[in-house]
Amino acid sequence: SLRLSCAASGDSISTYQIGWFRQAPGKEREFAAAISWSGGNT
């Protein structure tokens, strides 16, 4: 297991939908996960 962190500065994360994307070697970047601005939807 690993836990990745996305630390925000300059503005509150509550203003945004936050997504995680990933790009494997030789592959296109793809969607992994997202969370709504309220945190109520993943």
PDB file of all heavy atoms in Angstrom:
ATOM      1  N   SER A   1       0.825  -1.196   0.000  1.00  0.00           N
ATOM      2  CA  SER A   1       0.000   0.000   0.000  1.00  0.00           C
ATOM      3  C   SER A   1       0.861   1.250   0.000  1.00  0.00           C
ATOM      4  O   SER A   1       1.989   1.248   0.497  1.00  0.00           O
ATOM      5  CB  SER A   1      -0.917   0.027   1.228  1.00  0.00           C
ATOM      6  OG  SER A   1      -1.835  -1.045   1.227  1.00  0.00           O
ATOM      7  N   LEU A   2       0.317   2.313  -0.552  1.00  0.00           N
ATOM      8  CA  LEU A   2       0.904   3.639  -0.501  1.00  0.00           C
ATOM      9  C   LEU A   2      -0.208   4.655  -0.324  1.00  0.00           C
ATOM     10  O   LEU A   2      -1.332   4.433  -0.772  1.00  0.00           O
ATOM     11  CB  LEU A   2       1.668   3.974  -1.784  1.00  0.00           C
ATOM     12  CG  LEU A   2       3.088   3.456  -1.969  1.00  0.00           C
ATOM     13  CD1 LEU A   2       3.575   3.821  -3.371  1.00  0.00           C
ATOM     14  CD2 LEU A   2       4.020   4.024  -0.914  1.00  0.00           C
ATOM     15  N   ARG A   3       0.127   5.756   0.318  1.00  0.00           N
ATOM     16  CA  ARG A   3      -0.798   6.872   0.406  1.00  0.00           C
ATOM     17  C   ARG A   3      -0.149   8.098  -0.218  1.00  0.00           C
ATOM     18  O   ARG A   3       0.883   8.574   0.263  1.00  0.00           O
ATOM     19  CB  ARG A   3      -1.194   7.168   1.849  1.00  0.00           C
ATOM     20  CG  ARG A   3      -2.171   8.344   1.980  1.00  0.00           C
ATOM     21  CD  ARG A   3      -2.618   8.562   3.414  1.00  0.00           C
ATOM     22  NE  ARG A   3      -3.470   7.459   3.858  1.00  0.00           N
ATOM     23  CZ  ARG A   3      -4.012   7.390   5.074  1.00  0.00           C
ATOM     24  NH1 ARG A   3      -3.781   8.347   5.961  1.00  0.00           N
ATOM     25  NH2 ARG A   3      -4.777   6.358   5.402  1.00  0.00           N
ATOM     26  N   LEU A   4      -0.758   8.591  -1.283  1.00  0.00           N
ATOM     27  CA  LEU A   4      -0.289   9.792  -1.941  1.00  0.00           C
ATOM     28  C   LEU A   4      -0.991  11.010  -1.358  1.00  0.00           C
ATOM     29  O   LEU A   4      -2.160  10.943  -0.985  1.00  0.00           O
ATOM     30  CB  LEU A   4      -0.547   9.734  -3.443  1.00  0.00           C
ATOM     31  CG  LEU A   4       0.023   8.529  -4.192  1.00  0.00           C
ATOM     32  CD1 LEU A   4      -0.252   8.676  -5.687  1.00  0.00           C
ATOM     33  CD2 LEU A   4       1.510   8.367  -3.930  1.00  0.00           C
ATOM     34  N   SER A   5      -0.274  12.121  -1.305  1.00  0.00           N
ATOM     35  CA  SER A   5      -0.819  13.370  -0.816  1.00  0.00           C
ATOM     36  C   SER A   5      -0.797  14.415  -1.914  1.00  0.00           C
ATOM     37  O   SER A   5       0.143  14.470  -2.709  1.00  0.00           O
ATOM     38  CB  SER A   5      -0.017  13.888   0.383  1.00  0.00           C
ATOM     39  OG  SER A   5      -0.065  12.983   1.462  1.00  0.00           O
ATOM     40  N   CYS A   6      -1.822  15.230  -1.946  1.00  0.00           N
ATOM     41  CA  CYS A   6      -1.895  16.381  -2.838  1.00  0.00           C
ATOM     42  C   CYS A   6      -2.127  17.593  -1.964  1.00  0.00           C
ATOM     43  O   CYS A   6      -3.261  17.852  -1.538  1.00  0.00           O
ATOM     44  CB  CYS A   6      -3.014  16.199  -3.863  1.00  0.00           C
ATOM     45  SG  CYS A   6      -3.271  17.610  -4.952  1.00  0.00           S
ATOM     46  N   ALA A   7      -1.061  18.311  -1.672  1.00  0.00           N
ATOM     47  CA  ALA A   7      -1.132  19.476  -0.808  1.00  0.00           C
ATOM     48  C   ALA A   7      -1.387  20.723  -1.635  1.00  0.00           C
ATOM     49  O   ALA A   7      -0.668  20.993  -2.597  1.00  0.00           O
ATOM     50  CB  ALA A   7       0.158  19.625  -0.012  1.00  0.00           C
ATOM     51  N   ALA A   8      -2.394  21.479  -1.256  1.00  0.00           N
ATOM     52  CA  ALA A   8      -2.771  22.687  -1.983  1.00  0.00           C
ATOM     53  C   ALA A   8      -2.346  23.926  -1.208  1.00  0.00           C
ATOM     54  O   ALA A   8      -2.348  23.944   0.025  1.00  0.00           O
ATOM     55  CB  ALA A   8      -4.276  22.719  -2.228  1.00  0.00           C
ATOM     56  N   SER A   9      -2.006  24.955  -1.952  1.00  0.00           N
ATOM     57  CA  SER A   9      -1.692  26.249  -1.370  1.00  0.00           C
ATOM     58  C   SER A   9      -2.221  27.341  -2.286  1.00  0.00           C
ATOM     59  O   SER A   9      -2.462  27.114  -3.467  1.00  0.00           O
ATOM     60  CB  SER A   9      -0.187  26.413  -1.143  1.00  0.00           C
ATOM     61  OG  SER A   9       0.525  26.341  -2.364  1.00  0.00           O
ATOM     62  N   GLY A  10      -2.392  28.521  -1.734  1.00  0.00           N
ATOM     63  CA  GLY A  10      -2.895  29.641  -2.513  1.00  0.00           C
ATOM     64  C   GLY A  10      -4.400  29.730  -2.578  1.00  0.00           C
ATOM     65  O   GLY A  10      -4.942  30.795  -2.902  1.00  0.00           O
ATOM     66  N   ASP A  11      -5.085  28.641  -2.296  1.00  0.00           N
ATOM     67  CA  ASP A  11      -6.534  28.605  -2.327  1.00  0.00           C
ATOM     68  C   ASP A  11      -6.995  27.358  -1.592  1.00  0.00           C
ATOM     69  O   ASP A  11      -6.218  26.414  -1.396  1.00  0.00           O
ATOM     70  CB  ASP A  11      -7.058  28.608  -3.760  1.00  0.00           C
ATOM     71  CG  ASP A  11      -8.482  29.127  -3.878  1.00  0.00           C
ATOM     72  OD1 ASP A  11      -9.111  29.411  -2.841  1.00  0.00           O
ATOM     73  OD2 ASP A  11      -8.967  29.252  -5.018  1.00  0.00           O
ATOM     74  N   SER A  12      -8.243  27.339  -1.231  1.00  0.00           N
ATOM     75  CA  SER A  12      -8.810  26.205  -0.513  1.00  0.00           C
ATOM     76  C   SER A  12      -9.215  25.109  -1.482  1.00  0.00           C
ATOM     77  O   SER A  12      -9.776  25.373  -2.541  1.00  0.00           O
ATOM     78  CB  SER A  12     -10.022  26.655   0.298  1.00  0.00           C
ATOM     79  OG  SER A  12     -10.689  25.558   0.877  1.00  0.00           O
ATOM     80  N   ILE A  13      -8.960  23.855  -1.094  1.00  0.00           N
ATOM     81  CA  ILE A  13      -9.377  22.742  -1.939  1.00  0.00           C
ATOM     82  C   ILE A  13     -10.887  22.636  -2.025  1.00  0.00           C
ATOM     83  O   ILE A  13     -11.406  21.990  -2.940  1.00  0.00           O
ATOM     84  CB  ILE A  13      -8.789  21.402  -1.457  1.00  0.00           C
ATOM     85  CG1 ILE A  13      -9.216  21.102  -0.010  1.00  0.00           C
ATOM     86  CG2 ILE A  13      -7.276  21.401  -1.603  1.00  0.00           C
ATOM     87  CD1 ILE A  13      -8.868  19.703   0.441  1.00  0.00           C
ATOM     88  N   SER A  14     -11.587  23.254  -1.100  1.00  0.00           N
ATOM     89  CA  SER A  14     -13.041  23.213  -1.132  1.00  0.00           C
ATOM     90  C   SER A  14     -13.619  23.964  -2.318  1.00  0.00           C
ATOM     91  O   SER A  14     -14.804  23.828  -2.623  1.00  0.00           O
ATOM     92  CB  SER A  14     -13.625  23.768   0.171  1.00  0.00           C
ATOM     93  OG  SER A  14     -13.336  25.142   0.327  1.00  0.00           O
ATOM     94  N   THR A  15     -12.789  24.748  -2.992  1.00  0.00           N
ATOM     95  CA  THR A  15     -13.216  25.489  -4.170  1.00  0.00           C
ATOM     96  C   THR A  15     -13.246  24.609  -5.419  1.00  0.00           C
ATOM     97  O   THR A  15     -13.882  24.956  -6.411  1.00  0.00           O
ATOM     98  CB  THR A  15     -12.274  26.688  -4.406  1.00  0.00           C
ATOM     99  OG1 THR A  15     -12.185  27.462  -3.207  1.00  0.00           O
ATOM    100  CG2 THR A  15     -12.773  27.591  -5.526  1.00  0.00           C
ATOM    101  N   TYR A  16     -12.563  23.468  -5.366  1.00  0.00           N
ATOM    102  CA  TYR A  16     -12.306  22.679  -6.555  1.00  0.00           C
ATOM    103  C   TYR A  16     -12.745  21.232  -6.418  1.00  0.00           C
ATOM    104  O   TYR A  16     -12.777  20.663  -5.330  1.00  0.00           O
ATOM    105  CB  TYR A  16     -10.809  22.685  -6.878  1.00  0.00           C
ATOM    106  CG  TYR A  16     -10.207  24.053  -7.026  1.00  0.00           C
ATOM    107  CD1 TYR A  16      -9.645  24.701  -5.941  1.00  0.00           C
ATOM    108  CD2 TYR A  16     -10.203  24.687  -8.265  1.00  0.00           C
ATOM    109  CE1 TYR A  16      -9.089  25.957  -6.076  1.00  0.00           C
ATOM    110  CE2 TYR A  16      -9.648  25.943  -8.407  1.00  0.00           C
ATOM    111  CZ  TYR A  16      -9.091  26.575  -7.311  1.00  0.00           C
ATOM    112  OH  TYR A  16      -8.538  27.826  -7.452  1.00  0.00           O
ATOM    113  N   GLN A  17     -13.052  20.635  -7.549  1.00  0.00           N
ATOM    114  CA  GLN A  17     -13.039  19.195  -7.668  1.00  0.00           C
ATOM    115  C   GLN A  17     -11.584  18.779  -7.856  1.00  0.00           C
ATOM    116  O   GLN A  17     -10.862  19.370  -8.662  1.00  0.00           O
ATOM    117  CB  GLN A  17     -13.880  18.744  -8.862  1.00  0.00           C
ATOM    118  CG  GLN A  17     -13.811  17.255  -9.145  1.00  0.00           C
ATOM    119  CD  GLN A  17     -14.720  16.865 -10.285  1.00  0.00           C
ATOM    120  OE1 GLN A  17     -15.854  16.439 -10.072  1.00  0.00           O
ATOM    121  NE2 GLN A  17     -14.232  17.009 -11.512  1.00  0.00           N
ATOM    122  N   ILE A  18     -11.137  17.776  -7.128  1.00  0.00           N
ATOM    123  CA  ILE A  18      -9.760  17.308  -7.210  1.00  0.00           C
ATOM    124  C   ILE A  18      -9.738  15.915  -7.830  1.00  0.00           C
ATOM    125  O   ILE A  18     -10.469  15.022  -7.382  1.00  0.00           O
ATOM    126  CB  ILE A  18      -9.080  17.269  -5.839  1.00  0.00           C
ATOM    127  CG1 ILE A  18      -9.123  18.651  -5.169  1.00  0.00           C
ATOM    128  CG2 ILE A  18      -7.633  16.793  -5.981  1.00  0.00           C
ATOM    129  CD1 ILE A  18      -8.368  19.730  -5.918  1.00  0.00           C
ATOM    130  N   GLY A  19      -8.902  15.754  -8.835  1.00  0.00           N
ATOM    131  CA  GLY A  19      -8.754  14.468  -9.484  1.00  0.00           C
ATOM    132  C   GLY A  19      -7.336  13.956  -9.399  1.00  0.00           C
ATOM    133  O   GLY A  19      -6.382  14.729  -9.280  1.00  0.00           O
ATOM    134  N   TRP A  20      -7.207  12.638  -9.435  1.00  0.00           N
ATOM    135  CA  TRP A  20      -5.915  11.977  -9.569  1.00  0.00           C
ATOM    136  C   TRP A  20      -5.853  11.308 -10.936  1.00  0.00           C
ATOM    137  O   TRP A  20      -6.774  10.574 -11.314  1.00  0.00           O
ATOM    138  CB  TRP A  20      -5.697  10.929  -8.481  1.00  0.00           C
ATOM    139  CG  TRP A  20      -5.343  11.486  -7.136  1.00  0.00           C
ATOM    140  CD1 TRP A  20      -6.178  11.739  -6.098  1.00  0.00           C
ATOM    141  CD2 TRP A  20      -4.032  11.840  -6.688  1.00  0.00           C
ATOM    142  NE1 TRP A  20      -5.478  12.227  -5.023  1.00  0.00           N
ATOM    143  CE2 TRP A  20      -4.152  12.302  -5.358  1.00  0.00           C
ATOM    144  CE3 TRP A  20      -2.761  11.807  -7.276  1.00  0.00           C
ATOM    145  CZ2 TRP A  20      -3.045  12.732  -4.616  1.00  0.00           C
ATOM    146  CZ3 TRP A  20      -1.675  12.236  -6.535  1.00  0.00           C
ATOM    147  CH2 TRP A  20      -1.830  12.690  -5.220  1.00  0.00           C
ATOM    148  N   PHE A  21      -4.781  11.573 -11.646  1.00  0.00           N
ATOM    149  CA  PHE A  21      -4.513  10.953 -12.931  1.00  0.00           C
ATOM    150  C   PHE A  21      -3.163  10.266 -12.859  1.00  0.00           C
ATOM    151  O   PHE A  21      -2.337  10.584 -12.002  1.00  0.00           O
ATOM    152  CB  PHE A  21      -4.517  11.994 -14.055  1.00  0.00           C
ATOM    153  CG  PHE A  21      -5.866  12.604 -14.317  1.00  0.00           C
ATOM    154  CD1 PHE A  21      -6.363  13.599 -13.492  1.00  0.00           C
ATOM    155  CD2 PHE A  21      -6.633  12.180 -15.387  1.00  0.00           C
ATOM    156  CE1 PHE A  21      -7.608  14.169 -13.726  1.00  0.00           C
ATOM    157  CE2 PHE A  21      -7.883  12.741 -15.639  1.00  0.00           C
ATOM    158  CZ  PHE A  21      -8.362  13.731 -14.804  1.00  0.00           C
ATOM    159  N   ARG A  22      -2.944   9.338 -13.770  1.00  0.00           N
ATOM    160  CA  ARG A  22      -1.661   8.644 -13.775  1.00  0.00           C
ATOM    161  C   ARG A  22      -1.214   8.394 -15.203  1.00  0.00           C
ATOM    162  O   ARG A  22      -2.024   8.249 -16.115  1.00  0.00           O
ATOM    163  CB  ARG A  22      -1.732   7.331 -12.998  1.00  0.00           C
ATOM    164  CG  ARG A  22      -2.694   6.300 -13.588  1.00  0.00           C
ATOM    165  CD  ARG A  22      -2.808   5.101 -12.658  1.00  0.00           C
ATOM    166  NE  ARG A  22      -3.565   4.010 -13.251  1.00  0.00           N
ATOM    167  CZ  ARG A  22      -3.789   2.859 -12.651  1.00  0.00           C
ATOM    168  NH1 ARG A  22      -3.309   2.634 -11.423  1.00  0.00           N
ATOM    169  NH2 ARG A  22      -4.493   1.912 -13.269  1.00  0.00           N
ATOM    170  N   GLN A  23       0.090   8.337 -15.381  1.00  0.00           N
ATOM    171  CA  GLN A  23       0.668   8.085 -16.689  1.00  0.00           C
ATOM    172  C   GLN A  23       1.765   7.037 -16.553  1.00  0.00           C
ATOM    173  O   GLN A  23       2.805   7.291 -15.944  1.00  0.00           O
ATOM    174  CB  GLN A  23       1.229   9.364 -17.310  1.00  0.00           C
ATOM    175  CG  GLN A  23       1.689   9.194 -18.743  1.00  0.00           C
ATOM    176  CD  GLN A  23       1.922  10.519 -19.435  1.00  0.00           C
ATOM    177  OE1 GLN A  23       2.178  11.530 -18.782  1.00  0.00           O
ATOM    178  NE2 GLN A  23       1.830  10.528 -20.752  1.00  0.00           N
ATOM    179  N   ALA A  24       1.503   5.873 -17.119  1.00  0.00           N
ATOM    180  CA  ALA A  24       2.464   4.783 -17.102  1.00  0.00           C
ATOM    181  C   ALA A  24       3.476   4.972 -18.224  1.00  0.00           C
ATOM    182  O   ALA A  24       3.204   5.672 -19.213  1.00  0.00           O
ATOM    183  CB  ALA A  24       1.745   3.448 -17.251  1.00  0.00           C
ATOM    184  N   PRO A  25       4.639   4.346 -18.118  1.00  0.00           N
ATOM    185  CA  PRO A  25       5.640   4.467 -19.181  1.00  0.00           C
ATOM    186  C   PRO A  25       5.085   4.043 -20.530  1.00  0.00           C
ATOM    187  O   PRO A  25       4.510   2.957 -20.667  1.00  0.00           O
ATOM    188  CB  PRO A  25       6.756   3.531 -18.721  1.00  0.00           C
ATOM    189  CG  PRO A  25       6.612   3.482 -17.236  1.00  0.00           C
ATOM    190  CD  PRO A  25       5.134   3.548 -16.984  1.00  0.00           C
ATOM    191  N   GLY A  26       5.236   4.900 -21.521  1.00  0.00           N
ATOM    192  CA  GLY A  26       4.772   4.600 -22.864  1.00  0.00           C
ATOM    193  C   GLY A  26       3.273   4.651 -23.058  1.00  0.00           C
ATOM    194  O   GLY A  26       2.786   4.276 -24.134  1.00  0.00           O
ATOM    195  N   LYS A  27       2.533   5.099 -22.057  1.00  0.00           N
ATOM    196  CA  LYS A  27       1.076   5.139 -22.136  1.00  0.00           C
ATOM    197  C   LYS A  27       0.572   6.571 -21.993  1.00  0.00           C
ATOM    198  O   LYS A  27       1.278   7.461 -21.524  1.00  0.00           O
ATOM    199  CB  LYS A  27       0.453   4.268 -21.046  1.00  0.00           C
ATOM    200  CG  LYS A  27       0.986   2.853 -20.971  1.00  0.00           C
ATOM    201  CD  LYS A  27       0.425   1.991 -22.078  1.00  0.00           C
ATOM    202  CE  LYS A  27      -0.980   1.558 -21.772  1.00  0.00           C
ATOM    203  NZ  LYS A  27      -1.494   0.569 -22.761  1.00  0.00           N
ATOM    204  N   GLU A  28      -0.666   6.780 -22.402  1.00  0.00           N
ATOM    205  CA  GLU A  28      -1.300   8.081 -22.223  1.00  0.00           C
ATOM    206  C   GLU A  28      -1.757   8.252 -20.783  1.00  0.00           C
ATOM    207  O   GLU A  28      -2.003   7.284 -20.066  1.00  0.00           O
ATOM    208  CB  GLU A  28      -2.491   8.229 -23.173  1.00  0.00           C
ATOM    209  CG  GLU A  28      -2.127   8.250 -24.639  1.00  0.00           C
ATOM    210  CD  GLU A  28      -3.323   8.487 -25.529  1.00  0.00           C
ATOM    211  OE1 GLU A  28      -4.460   8.519 -25.019  1.00  0.00           O
ATOM    212  OE2 GLU A  28      -3.133   8.656 -26.740  1.00  0.00           O
ATOM    213  N   ARG A  29      -1.869   9.492 -20.373  1.00  0.00           N
ATOM    214  CA  ARG A  29      -2.355   9.776 -19.032  1.00  0.00           C
ATOM    215  C   ARG A  29      -3.827   9.376 -18.920  1.00  0.00           C
ATOM    216  O   ARG A  29      -4.619   9.612 -19.831  1.00  0.00           O
ATOM    217  CB  ARG A  29      -2.179  11.252 -18.712  1.00  0.00           C
ATOM    218  CG  ARG A  29      -2.440  11.607 -17.259  1.00  0.00           C
ATOM    219  CD  ARG A  29      -1.676  12.846 -16.844  1.00  0.00           C
ATOM    220  NE  ARG A  29      -1.985  13.991 -17.673  1.00  0.00           N
ATOM    221  CZ  ARG A  29      -1.326  15.145 -17.618  1.00  0.00           C
ATOM    222  NH1 ARG A  29      -0.297  15.282 -16.782  1.00  0.00           N
ATOM    223  NH2 ARG A  29      -1.675  16.142 -18.401  1.00  0.00           N
ATOM    224  N   GLU A  30      -4.192   8.774 -17.796  1.00  0.00           N
ATOM    225  CA  GLU A  30      -5.544   8.285 -17.606  1.00  0.00           C
ATOM    226  C   GLU A  30      -6.082   8.684 -16.240  1.00  0.00           C
ATOM    227  O   GLU A  30      -5.334   8.896 -15.284  1.00  0.00           O
ATOM    228  CB  GLU A  30      -5.608   6.758 -17.764  1.00  0.00           C
ATOM    229  CG  GLU A  30      -4.844   5.995 -16.697  1.00  0.00           C
ATOM    230  CD  GLU A  30      -4.970   4.489 -16.839  1.00  0.00           C
ATOM    231  OE1 GLU A  30      -5.484   4.024 -17.874  1.00  0.00           O
ATOM    232  OE2 GLU A  30      -4.557   3.764 -15.910  1.00  0.00           O
ATOM    233  N   PHE A  31      -7.390   8.743 -16.170  1.00  0.00           N
ATOM    234  CA  PHE A  31      -8.076   9.079 -14.933  1.00  0.00           C
ATOM    235  C   PHE A  31      -7.993   7.937 -13.944  1.00  0.00           C
ATOM    236  O   PHE A  31      -8.116   6.767 -14.312  1.00  0.00           O
ATOM    237  CB  PHE A  31      -9.542   9.400 -15.244  1.00  0.00           C
ATOM    238  CG  PHE A  31     -10.421   9.481 -14.037  1.00  0.00           C
ATOM    239  CD1 PHE A  31     -10.396  10.593 -13.213  1.00  0.00           C
ATOM    240  CD2 PHE A  31     -11.273   8.444 -13.714  1.00  0.00           C
ATOM    241  CE1 PHE A  31     -11.203  10.678 -12.097  1.00  0.00           C
ATOM    242  CE2 PHE A  31     -12.092   8.504 -12.609  1.00  0.00           C
ATOM    243  CZ  PHE A  31     -12.054   9.635 -11.800  1.00  0.00           C
ATOM    244  N   ALA A  32      -7.794   8.271 -12.670  1.00  0.00           N
ATOM    245  CA  ALA A  32      -7.791   7.267 -11.622  1.00  0.00           C
ATOM    246  C   ALA A  32      -8.919   7.473 -10.616  1.00  0.00           C
ATOM    247  O   ALA A  32      -9.675   6.546 -10.332  1.00  0.00           O
ATOM    248  CB  ALA A  32      -6.444   7.250 -10.892  1.00  0.00           C
ATOM    249  N   ALA A  33      -9.029   8.682 -10.067  1.00  0.00           N
ATOM    250  CA  ALA A  33     -10.030   8.948  -9.037  1.00  0.00           C
ATOM    251  C   ALA A  33     -10.279  10.441  -8.939  1.00  0.00           C
ATOM    252  O   ALA A  33      -9.449  11.249  -9.340  1.00  0.00           O
ATOM    253  CB  ALA A  33      -9.577   8.399  -7.677  1.00  0.00           C
ATOM    254  N   ALA A  34     -11.435  10.817  -8.389  1.00  0.00           N
ATOM    255  CA  ALA A  34     -11.756  12.221  -8.186  1.00  0.00           C
ATOM    256  C   ALA A  34     -12.679  12.368  -6.990  1.00  0.00           C
ATOM    257  O   ALA A  34     -13.381  11.422  -6.604  1.00  0.00           O
ATOM    258  CB  ALA A  34     -12.405  12.832  -9.428  1.00  0.00           C
ATOM    259  N   ILE A  35     -12.691  13.568  -6.419  1.00  0.00           N
ATOM    260  CA  ILE A  35     -13.563  13.878  -5.297  1.00  0.00           C
ATOM    261  C   ILE A  35     -14.160  15.254  -5.528  1.00  0.00           C
ATOM    262  O   ILE A  35     -13.488  16.175  -5.984  1.00  0.00           O
ATOM    263  CB  ILE A  35     -12.795  13.799  -3.953  1.00  0.00           C
ATOM    264  CG1 ILE A  35     -13.742  13.948  -2.768  1.00  0.00           C
ATOM    265  CG2 ILE A  35     -11.665  14.822  -3.898  1.00  0.00           C
ATOM    266  CD1 ILE A  35     -13.096  13.574  -1.434  1.00  0.00           C
ATOM    267  N   SER A  36     -15.443  15.398  -5.223  1.00  0.00           N
ATOM    268  CA  SER A  36     -16.136  16.659  -5.443  1.00  0.00           C
ATOM    269  C   SER A  36     -15.654  17.716  -4.465  1.00  0.00           C
ATOM    270  O   SER A  36     -14.999  17.419  -3.459  1.00  0.00           O
ATOM    271  CB  SER A  36     -17.647  16.456  -5.311  1.00  0.00           C
ATOM    272  OG  SER A  36     -17.997  16.063  -3.992  1.00  0.00           O
ATOM    273  N   TRP A  37     -16.003  18.961  -4.755  1.00  0.00           N
ATOM    274  CA  TRP A  37     -15.564  20.072  -3.901  1.00  0.00           C
ATOM    275  C   TRP A  37     -16.059  19.923  -2.476  1.00  0.00           C
ATOM    276  O   TRP A  37     -15.386  20.339  -1.531  1.00  0.00           O
ATOM    277  CB  TRP A  37     -16.038  21.401  -4.488  1.00  0.00           C
ATOM    278  CG  TRP A  37     -17.538  21.585  -4.442  1.00  0.00           C
ATOM    279  CD1 TRP A  37     -18.430  21.251  -5.408  1.00  0.00           C
ATOM    280  CD2 TRP A  37     -18.285  22.150  -3.361  1.00  0.00           C
ATOM    281  NE1 TRP A  37     -19.711  21.564  -5.005  1.00  0.00           N
ATOM    282  CE2 TRP A  37     -19.646  22.127  -3.747  1.00  0.00           C
ATOM    283  CE3 TRP A  37     -17.954  22.680  -2.118  1.00  0.00           C
ATOM    284  CZ2 TRP A  37     -20.665  22.600  -2.929  1.00  0.00           C
ATOM    285  CZ3 TRP A  37     -18.967  23.149  -1.295  1.00  0.00           C
ATOM    286  CH2 TRP A  37     -20.303  23.110  -1.707  1.00  0.00           C
ATOM    287  N   SER A  38     -17.230  19.330  -2.309  1.00  0.00           N
ATOM    288  CA  SER A  38     -17.799  19.146  -0.985  1.00  0.00           C
ATOM    289  C   SER A  38     -17.276  17.897  -0.289  1.00  0.00           C
ATOM    290  O   SER A  38     -17.455  17.744   0.919  1.00  0.00           O
ATOM    291  CB  SER A  38     -19.317  19.070  -1.081  1.00  0.00           C
ATOM    292  OG  SER A  38     -19.726  17.900  -1.769  1.00  0.00           O
ATOM    293  N   GLY A  39     -16.640  17.025  -1.050  1.00  0.00           N
ATOM    294  CA  GLY A  39     -16.197  15.752  -0.514  1.00  0.00           C
ATOM    295  C   GLY A  39     -17.277  14.700  -0.457  1.00  0.00           C
ATOM    296  O   GLY A  39     -17.012  13.565  -0.053  1.00  0.00           O
ATOM    297  N   GLY A  40     -18.482  15.058  -0.882  1.00  0.00           N
ATOM    298  CA  GLY A  40     -19.599  14.148  -0.779  1.00  0.00           C
ATOM    299  C   GLY A  40     -19.675  13.106  -1.873  1.00  0.00           C
ATOM    300  O   GLY A  40     -20.380  12.107  -1.715  1.00  0.00           O
ATOM    301  N   ASN A  41     -18.981  13.340  -2.969  1.00  0.00           N
ATOM    302  CA  ASN A  41     -19.012  12.421  -4.098  1.00  0.00           C
ATOM    303  C   ASN A  41     -17.595  12.031  -4.484  1.00  0.00           C
ATOM    304  O   ASN A  41     -16.715  12.890  -4.580  1.00  0.00           O
ATOM    305  CB  ASN A  41     -19.709  13.060  -5.297  1.00  0.00           C
ATOM    306  CG  ASN A  41     -21.172  13.340  -5.029  1.00  0.00           C
ATOM    307  OD1 ASN A  41     -21.918  12.459  -4.609  1.00  0.00           O
ATOM    308  ND2 ASN A  41     -21.587  14.575  -5.277  1.00  0.00           N
ATOM    309  N   THR A  42     -17.389  10.751  -4.696  1.00  0.00           N
ATOM    310  CA  THR A  42     -16.112  10.237  -5.178  1.00  0.00           C
ATOM    311  C   THR A  42     -16.334   9.399  -6.420  1.00  0.00           C
ATOM    312  O   THR A  42     -17.399   8.813  -6.617  1.00  0.00           O
ATOM    313  CB  THR A  42     -15.394   9.409  -4.106  1.00  0.00           C
ATOM    314  OG1 THR A  42     -16.244   8.328  -3.691  1.00  0.00           O
ATOM    315  CG2 THR A  42     -15.055  10.270  -2.897  1.00  0.00           C
TER     316      THR A  42
END
